[in-house]
């Protein structure tokens, strides 16, 4: 298992992963291209590979030392094997080492596996966004983690 920074060459793999992950954000190829073109100190894309196969990814951005996890997805065949835990841990270490003070995210209320993962890392529920998600219509639960 290897975690590395993603590149724009990974866009097809990221789109394939998210297309099979019902709870992931679904971005267009143009949105990915735009995100990678603004990559650098304000954006972070990580992938976790098994062999040469991308099994998961995490996308995040930072504004004034506050990070937001924008998207995370793990291949269906790779779930429940700790890949999300490793990917999130690598991201949190990176965010902290770059002077990050907090991490925010939102997750579908029904995504209990993801919520359990975030709570395992000491994220705390910080709010609710009614009707935030479409297809199906569902509330978002917001989480925050203090990195200080």
Protein backbone atom coordinates (compact mmCIF):
# COMPACT_ATOMS: atom_id res chain seq x y z
CA UNK A 1 0.00 0.00 0.00
CA UNK A 2 1.36 3.39 -0.96
CA UNK A 3 -0.01 6.91 -0.48
CA UNK A 4 1.16 9.61 -2.86
CA UNK A 5 0.12 12.99 -4.21
CA UNK A 6 -2.28 12.65 -7.11
CA UNK A 7 -1.65 14.28 -10.46
CA UNK A 8 -3.95 15.25 -13.30
CA UNK A 9 -3.02 11.92 -14.92
CA UNK A 10 -5.04 10.29 -12.10
CA UNK A 11 -8.31 12.03 -13.08
CA UNK A 12 -9.75 8.96 -14.91
CA UNK A 13 -9.05 6.76 -11.87
CA UNK A 14 -10.60 9.31 -9.50
CA UNK A 15 -13.71 9.59 -11.65
CA UNK A 16 -14.01 5.80 -11.84
CA UNK A 17 -13.78 5.52 -8.05
CA UNK A 18 -16.34 8.22 -7.38
CA UNK A 19 -18.76 6.79 -9.96
CA UNK A 20 -18.99 3.61 -7.87
CA UNK A 21 -19.18 5.45 -4.53
CA UNK A 22 -22.75 6.61 -4.04
CA UNK A 23 -21.85 8.92 -1.15
CA UNK A 24 -18.85 10.59 -2.84
CA UNK A 25 -19.12 14.00 -4.48
CA UNK A 26 -19.42 13.57 -8.23
CA UNK A 27 -17.28 16.04 -10.09
CA UNK A 28 -17.05 16.52 -13.84
CA UNK A 29 -13.77 16.12 -15.68
CA UNK A 30 -13.72 19.91 -16.02
CA UNK A 31 -14.06 20.34 -12.25
CA UNK A 32 -11.14 17.97 -11.70
CA UNK A 33 -9.02 19.78 -14.29
CA UNK A 34 -9.79 23.11 -12.63
CA UNK A 35 -8.96 21.69 -9.19
CA UNK A 36 -5.63 20.31 -10.41
CA UNK A 37 -4.79 23.56 -12.19
CA UNK A 38 -5.19 25.34 -8.83
CA UNK A 39 -3.29 22.61 -6.98
CA UNK A 40 -0.35 23.71 -4.93
CA UNK A 41 -0.33 25.30 -1.52
CA UNK A 42 -4.13 25.66 -1.43
CA UNK A 43 -5.13 22.18 -2.65
CA UNK A 44 -4.17 18.63 -1.81
CA UNK A 45 -5.04 15.44 -3.65
CA UNK A 46 -3.86 12.12 -2.23
CA UNK A 47 -4.30 8.63 -3.65
CA UNK A 48 -3.76 5.28 -2.03
CA UNK A 49 -2.51 2.55 -4.34
CA UNK A 50 -2.25 -1.19 -4.11
CA UNK A 51 0.32 -2.22 -6.68
CA UNK A 52 -0.25 0.27 -9.49
CA UNK A 53 -4.03 0.42 -8.93
CA UNK A 54 -5.56 3.50 -7.29
CA UNK A 55 -7.87 2.16 -4.56
CA UNK A 56 -8.90 5.46 -3.01
CA UNK A 57 -8.42 9.21 -2.95
CA UNK A 58 -8.92 12.30 -0.85
CA UNK A 59 -9.31 15.87 -2.11
CA UNK A 60 -8.97 18.88 0.19
CA UNK A 61 -8.37 22.60 0.08
CA UNK A 62 -7.10 25.13 2.58
CA UNK A 63 -8.08 28.73 3.20
CA UNK A 64 -6.21 30.64 5.89
CA UNK A 65 -5.00 27.50 7.73
CA UNK A 66 -8.47 25.90 7.75
CA UNK A 67 -8.75 22.75 5.65
CA UNK A 68 -11.90 21.38 4.06
CA UNK A 69 -12.12 17.77 2.94
CA UNK A 70 -13.98 18.06 -0.36
CA UNK A 71 -14.13 14.45 -1.46
CA UNK A 72 -13.01 11.02 -0.36
CA UNK A 73 -13.72 7.66 -1.96
CA UNK A 74 -12.46 4.10 -1.56
CA UNK A 75 -12.98 1.34 -4.13
CA UNK A 76 -15.81 -1.01 -3.14
CA UNK A 77 -13.50 -4.03 -3.19
CA UNK A 78 -11.04 -2.23 -0.89
CA UNK A 79 -13.48 -1.06 1.79
CA UNK A 80 -13.26 -2.28 5.38
CA UNK A 81 -9.50 -2.81 5.03
CA UNK A 82 -8.29 0.38 6.70
CA UNK A 83 -7.50 2.31 3.53
CA UNK A 84 -9.74 5.23 4.47
CA UNK A 85 -8.11 5.34 7.90
CA UNK A 86 -4.63 5.43 6.36
CA UNK A 87 -5.59 8.05 3.78
CA UNK A 88 -7.25 10.29 6.37
CA UNK A 89 -4.28 9.89 8.72
CA UNK A 90 -1.83 10.90 6.00
CA UNK A 91 -3.97 13.92 5.15
CA UNK A 92 -4.22 15.01 8.81
CA UNK A 93 -0.45 14.71 9.26
CA UNK A 94 0.12 16.81 6.14
CA UNK A 95 -2.45 19.44 7.14
CA UNK A 96 -0.92 19.70 10.62
CA UNK A 97 2.66 19.88 9.33
CA UNK A 98 1.63 22.73 7.01
CA UNK A 99 0.33 24.75 9.94
CA UNK A 100 -3.33 23.83 9.60
CA UNK A 101 -5.45 24.80 12.57
CA UNK A 102 -8.72 23.00 11.78
CA UNK A 103 -10.35 20.59 9.34
CA UNK A 104 -13.97 20.78 8.25
CA UNK A 105 -16.14 18.44 6.21
CA UNK A 106 -19.73 17.49 5.55
CA UNK A 107 -21.10 13.99 5.16
CA UNK A 108 -24.46 12.47 4.34
CA UNK A 109 -26.41 11.79 7.51
CA UNK A 110 -26.92 8.18 6.39
CA UNK A 111 -23.21 7.52 5.73
CA UNK A 112 -22.61 5.87 9.08
CA UNK A 113 -19.32 4.22 8.05
CA UNK A 114 -17.78 7.59 7.16
CA UNK A 115 -19.17 9.25 10.27
CA UNK A 116 -17.67 6.50 12.41
CA UNK A 117 -14.29 6.98 10.69
CA UNK A 118 -14.31 10.73 11.32
CA UNK A 119 -15.37 10.32 14.94
CA UNK A 120 -12.57 7.76 15.41
CA UNK A 121 -10.15 10.55 14.46
CA UNK A 122 -11.81 12.90 17.03
CA UNK A 123 -13.85 14.97 14.59
CA UNK A 124 -16.84 16.46 16.39
CA UNK A 125 -20.25 17.10 14.92
CA UNK A 126 -20.58 20.85 14.47
CA UNK A 127 -23.85 21.34 12.62
CA UNK A 128 -26.43 20.22 10.09
CA UNK A 129 -27.27 21.47 6.60
CA UNK A 130 -30.89 20.51 5.90
CA UNK A 131 -31.50 19.17 2.40
CA UNK A 132 -27.87 19.74 1.36
CA UNK A 133 -27.61 16.61 -0.78
CA UNK A 134 -29.75 15.72 -3.79
CA UNK A 135 -30.36 12.27 -5.28
CA UNK A 136 -31.51 11.28 -2.72
CA UNK A 137 -32.47 14.40 -0.82
CA UNK A 138 -30.68 14.27 2.54
CA UNK A 139 -29.20 16.42 5.29
CA UNK A 140 -25.46 16.94 5.63
CA UNK A 141 -23.81 16.58 9.00
CA UNK A 142 -20.85 18.93 9.39
CA UNK A 143 -17.76 17.96 11.36
CA UNK A 144 -14.76 19.85 12.69
CA UNK A 145 -11.39 18.75 13.98
CA UNK A 146 -9.10 21.14 15.85
CA UNK A 147 -5.46 20.55 14.83
CA UNK A 148 -3.89 22.92 17.38
